[in-house]
Structure formats: structure tokens, C-alpha cells
Protein backbone atom coordinates (compact mmCIF):
# COMPACT_ATOMS: atom_id res chain seq x y z
CA MET A 1 97.81 -79.63 -22.47
CA ARG A 2 99.94 -81.56 -24.23
CA TYR A 3 99.07 -84.92 -22.70
CA LEU A 4 95.64 -84.29 -23.40
CA THR A 5 96.44 -83.35 -27.40
CA ARG A 6 98.11 -87.15 -26.60
CA ILE A 7 95.31 -88.67 -25.76
CA THR A 8 92.54 -86.69 -27.28
CA SER A 9 94.56 -88.18 -30.61
CA PHE A 10 95.31 -91.80 -29.35
CA PHE A 11 91.23 -91.89 -29.20
CA ILE A 12 90.55 -90.35 -32.33
CA ALA A 13 92.95 -92.75 -34.26
CA LEU A 14 91.25 -95.75 -32.35
CA MET A 15 87.96 -94.63 -33.61
CA LEU A 16 88.69 -94.21 -36.63
CA THR A 17 90.55 -97.37 -37.46
CA HIS A 18 87.76 -99.34 -36.11
CA SER A 19 85.44 -97.26 -38.39
CA ALA A 20 87.95 -98.06 -40.88
CA TRP A 21 87.17 -102.00 -40.52
CA ALA A 22 83.75 -101.46 -39.73
CA GLN A 23 83.22 -100.19 -43.31
CA SER A 24 86.25 -101.78 -44.91
CA PRO A 25 84.81 -104.53 -47.69
CA PHE A 26 85.08 -108.12 -46.75
CA PRO A 27 85.66 -110.10 -49.62
CA VAL A 28 81.77 -110.09 -51.16
CA PRO A 29 79.95 -107.34 -49.04
CA LEU A 30 78.20 -107.69 -46.09
CA LYS A 31 74.86 -105.88 -44.44
CA ASP A 32 76.10 -103.82 -41.48
CA SER A 33 74.55 -105.86 -38.85
CA VAL A 34 76.49 -109.45 -39.74
CA ARG A 35 80.11 -107.44 -40.29
CA GLY A 36 79.64 -106.15 -37.02
CA LYS A 37 78.58 -109.58 -35.89
CA ILE A 38 81.85 -111.23 -37.11
CA LEU A 39 84.00 -108.28 -35.93
CA LYS A 40 82.36 -108.45 -32.39
CA GLY A 41 83.48 -112.61 -32.30
CA ASP A 42 80.74 -113.94 -32.93
CA ILE A 43 80.48 -116.79 -36.01
CA TYR A 44 78.33 -115.90 -38.71
CA ARG A 45 76.72 -118.86 -40.93
CA LYS A 46 74.75 -118.91 -43.73
CA SER A 47 73.27 -122.77 -45.66
CA GLU A 48 70.71 -121.95 -48.33
CA VAL A 49 69.65 -125.06 -50.13
CA ASP A 50 67.21 -125.46 -53.08
CA THR A 51 65.59 -128.00 -55.70
CA VAL A 52 65.46 -126.67 -58.96
CA LYS A 53 65.28 -127.43 -62.26
CA ASN A 54 68.11 -127.19 -64.69
CA GLU A 55 67.61 -126.40 -68.55
CA SER A 56 66.14 -130.06 -69.70
CA GLY A 57 64.02 -130.14 -66.59
CA ILE A 58 65.45 -132.52 -64.15
CA LYS A 59 65.65 -132.25 -60.68
CA GLN A 60 68.70 -130.99 -58.90
CA GLN A 61 69.70 -129.21 -55.65
CA LYS A 62 72.38 -126.19 -55.11
CA LEU A 63 74.06 -125.02 -52.59
CA ASP A 64 74.97 -121.39 -51.39
CA PHE A 65 77.14 -121.15 -48.72
CA VAL A 66 79.04 -118.92 -46.05
CA ILE A 67 81.12 -118.82 -42.56
CA SER A 68 83.26 -116.10 -41.54
CA GLY A 69 84.87 -115.93 -38.25
CA LEU A 70 87.49 -113.65 -36.21
CA HIS A 71 89.77 -116.26 -34.57
CA PRO A 72 91.09 -114.08 -31.05
CA ASN A 73 94.84 -115.14 -32.82
CA SER A 74 96.63 -113.51 -35.31
CA CYS A 75 96.95 -115.67 -38.53
CA PRO A 76 100.23 -116.72 -38.03
CA ILE A 77 99.24 -118.05 -34.82
CA ALA A 78 95.95 -119.18 -35.63
CA LEU A 79 97.57 -121.15 -38.88
CA GLN A 80 99.79 -123.33 -37.09
CA LYS A 81 97.34 -125.69 -36.41
CA LEU A 82 94.48 -125.43 -38.55
CA SER A 83 96.95 -125.78 -41.52
CA ARG A 84 97.25 -129.26 -40.22
CA TYR A 85 94.55 -131.08 -42.04
CA GLU A 86 95.49 -134.17 -41.46
CA GLU A 87 95.14 -133.82 -37.67
CA PHE A 88 91.15 -132.87 -37.53
CA TYR A 89 89.83 -136.08 -36.57
CA LYS A 90 91.83 -135.64 -33.25
CA PHE A 91 89.73 -132.31 -32.33
CA ILE A 92 86.47 -132.30 -34.11
CA ASP A 93 84.56 -135.40 -32.92
CA PHE A 94 82.20 -135.87 -36.27
CA VAL A 95 85.22 -136.08 -37.84
CA LYS A 96 86.50 -139.92 -37.93
CA LEU A 97 89.38 -140.09 -40.21
CA SER A 98 91.49 -136.95 -41.41
CA ALA A 99 94.83 -137.10 -43.99
CA TYR A 100 96.07 -134.90 -46.31
CA ASN A 101 98.78 -135.59 -49.41
CA GLU A 102 101.43 -132.67 -50.01
CA LYS A 103 101.95 -133.50 -53.49
CA THR A 104 98.41 -133.34 -54.55
CA GLN A 105 97.07 -131.36 -52.50
CA ARG A 106 93.99 -133.39 -51.23
CA ILE A 107 92.04 -133.72 -48.58
CA TYR A 108 90.62 -136.62 -47.05
CA LEU A 109 87.54 -136.18 -44.27
CA LEU A 110 85.76 -139.20 -43.39
CA LEU A 111 82.69 -137.73 -41.68
CA ASP A 112 79.97 -139.49 -39.12
CA ALA A 113 77.05 -137.88 -36.48
CA ASP A 114 73.62 -138.30 -35.92
CA ILE A 115 72.54 -135.02 -37.67
CA LEU A 116 74.20 -136.43 -40.98
CA PRO A 117 71.56 -138.52 -43.43
CA PHE A 118 74.63 -141.18 -43.79
CA ARG A 119 78.40 -141.41 -43.18
CA MET A 120 80.05 -138.81 -45.78
CA ALA A 121 83.63 -139.20 -47.40
CA LEU A 122 85.24 -135.96 -48.85
CA ASP A 123 87.87 -136.25 -50.75
CA PHE A 124 88.85 -133.03 -52.21
CA LYS A 125 91.52 -130.21 -53.43
CA ILE A 126 92.96 -127.43 -51.32
CA PRO A 127 95.93 -126.19 -50.82
CA ARG A 128 97.85 -126.12 -47.19
CA ILE A 129 96.70 -122.50 -46.01
CA THR A 130 99.90 -121.20 -44.23
CA LYS A 131 99.60 -117.15 -44.20
CA VAL A 132 96.94 -114.89 -45.56
CA GLY A 133 95.27 -114.93 -48.74
CA SER A 134 92.76 -116.60 -50.78
CA TYR A 135 92.58 -120.43 -51.52
CA PRO A 136 90.74 -121.71 -53.52
CA PHE A 137 89.02 -125.39 -53.54
CA SER A 138 86.77 -127.93 -55.39
CA PHE A 139 85.40 -131.07 -55.07
CA ASP A 140 85.86 -132.95 -57.74
CA LYS A 141 84.39 -136.64 -56.98
CA GLY A 142 81.86 -138.31 -54.70
CA PHE A 143 78.95 -136.30 -53.05
CA LEU A 144 79.02 -132.74 -53.95
CA ASP A 145 81.44 -133.44 -56.95
CA GLY A 146 81.71 -129.96 -59.11
CA LEU A 147 81.47 -127.80 -55.58
CA LYS A 148 83.39 -125.10 -56.32
CA GLY A 149 84.32 -122.27 -53.19
CA THR A 150 87.36 -120.44 -51.72
CA ILE A 151 88.63 -119.74 -47.84
CA HIS A 152 89.62 -116.18 -47.49
CA VAL A 153 92.67 -115.11 -44.52
CA ILE A 154 92.73 -111.07 -43.93
CA ASN A 155 94.68 -109.57 -41.18
CA GLY A 156 91.96 -108.32 -38.73
CA PRO A 157 91.22 -105.77 -36.60
CA ASN A 158 93.29 -105.80 -33.31
CA ASN A 159 95.97 -108.29 -34.49
CA ARG A 160 93.31 -110.85 -35.30
CA CYS A 161 92.68 -113.18 -38.47
CA LEU A 162 89.80 -113.01 -40.08
CA PHE A 163 88.72 -116.42 -41.94
CA TYR A 164 85.79 -116.15 -44.89
CA SER A 165 84.84 -119.11 -46.60
CA ASP A 166 82.41 -119.23 -49.35
CA ALA A 167 81.31 -122.10 -51.94
CA TYR A 168 78.60 -122.65 -54.21
CA TRP A 169 77.02 -126.08 -55.72
CA GLN A 170 74.91 -127.05 -57.80
CA GLY A 171 74.37 -130.93 -59.34
CA PRO A 172 72.02 -134.32 -58.98
CA ASP A 173 69.39 -134.59 -56.30
CA THR A 174 70.78 -135.84 -53.31
CA GLY A 175 67.51 -137.07 -52.04
CA ILE A 176 67.75 -135.16 -48.98
CA PRO A 177 65.41 -132.33 -48.06
CA ASP A 178 66.58 -128.77 -48.36
CA ILE A 179 65.94 -127.57 -45.31
CA ILE A 180 68.25 -130.73 -43.93
CA PHE A 181 71.11 -130.43 -45.98
CA GLU A 182 71.08 -126.56 -45.11
CA LEU A 183 70.88 -127.78 -41.02
CA PHE A 184 73.40 -130.45 -41.62
CA SER A 185 76.01 -128.23 -43.27
CA SER A 186 75.43 -124.83 -41.34
CA THR A 187 75.49 -126.73 -37.86
CA LEU A 188 78.86 -129.40 -38.85
CA ALA A 189 80.33 -125.81 -40.28
CA GLU A 190 80.15 -123.77 -37.02
CA LYS A 191 81.15 -125.98 -34.94
CA SER A 192 83.90 -127.07 -36.55
CA MET A 193 85.06 -123.24 -36.83
CA GLU A 194 84.29 -123.01 -32.97
CA VAL A 195 86.12 -125.77 -31.73
CA LEU A 196 89.22 -124.95 -34.23
CA PHE A 197 89.05 -121.46 -32.95
CA ARG A 198 89.20 -122.91 -29.50
CA ILE A 199 92.52 -125.55 -29.85
CA SER A 200 94.40 -123.37 -32.14
CA ARG A 201 94.19 -120.12 -29.67
CA LYS A 202 96.93 -118.88 -27.51
CA ILE A 203 96.13 -116.75 -24.96
């Protein structure tokens, strides 16, 4: 009877843990289906681009972006490689150059892929992420100047590392159709996360 009680207690605790995680808030509220998909191990990404007019009646575009995924390992293990921004070109085929300046906390990425409307250089500020926490990043020059976002690194269920990132931008019309903008931003982000999760995984 004592062993039966222990086994029952174990499964109750397990169910409560799963239930707590299923209901626990991400950095922002998510639908149950989305939260369940992420906790199951799938990558969730959403990119919405709309053409709007500002107060002066000038046409602009705005981007609302989210991506989230649950790494197979703990955050300390995952971040051993994920924090090495300067090595991204070794693993992601559309990243042709990657560099990071520790002093200025700036990353430089040169992107080139068939899905991109043009060769794209990104130079923006982001701290080197080495532990759990929330890390803001911002674009202050070039393409998407003024974009702001945050990367959240969270201790997830079963000692797995949960990544959640969102970004928002509104600025001059890029000349790229909204649907194409949505397609390449979401596709390349998902592919990057898949590759980086794979190369940073330890079994």
C-alpha cells in the first residue's frame, strides 16, 4: 500500500507540474493551442506586415514578429553555442558573415538567400546572452532602423530551455510587398532557430 501511495503521489505531482506549465504565462498571453505546440517541441513563429499611413499621410510599413521554441537541453547547455554570435556563419547557410563586438555589444550579420529580395546587412545592438533573463535588442541603422525587440530565455519544463522573442517596427515603406516581407522574415527566423537548436544540442 505504501508503494502504491508513492506511485500515485508521483503521478499526481507530474500532472500538476505539467498543468502548471501549460497554464503558466509566457512573456505575453498565448492561445492554448500555441502554448501547447511550443511546449510539445515545435517552433512557433508569426510575422505580420501591414502597409499603413502615418499621421502625415505618408505610406509606411509595420512589422509585428514573434518566434518561440523549446530547446532540447537546459539553458546553460543551449547557450554555450547560441551565445557565440560570431560563429553563426559556420552553421546557418544564409548567414555569409557574422561578427560581434564585445565592447559595443553590436552584432553584424550579412544575409543572402534566394528568398530575400536583396542581400541584407544587419548591424544592431544586443548583449551576449549567457544565462536566463530578458534581453532587449534594437536596430539603430540601416534596414528596419528603429526596430525594437526582446529575447526571453526561460527555464522551461523538464529542464529544457524556452526561448521567446518578439519585435516591433514601423518605418518607411521598404518597397517589399507585405506578403513577401512576412514570408522571408518568418521563414528565415524559423530556419535559424531549427539549425541553432540542432547544433547546440547535447544528447
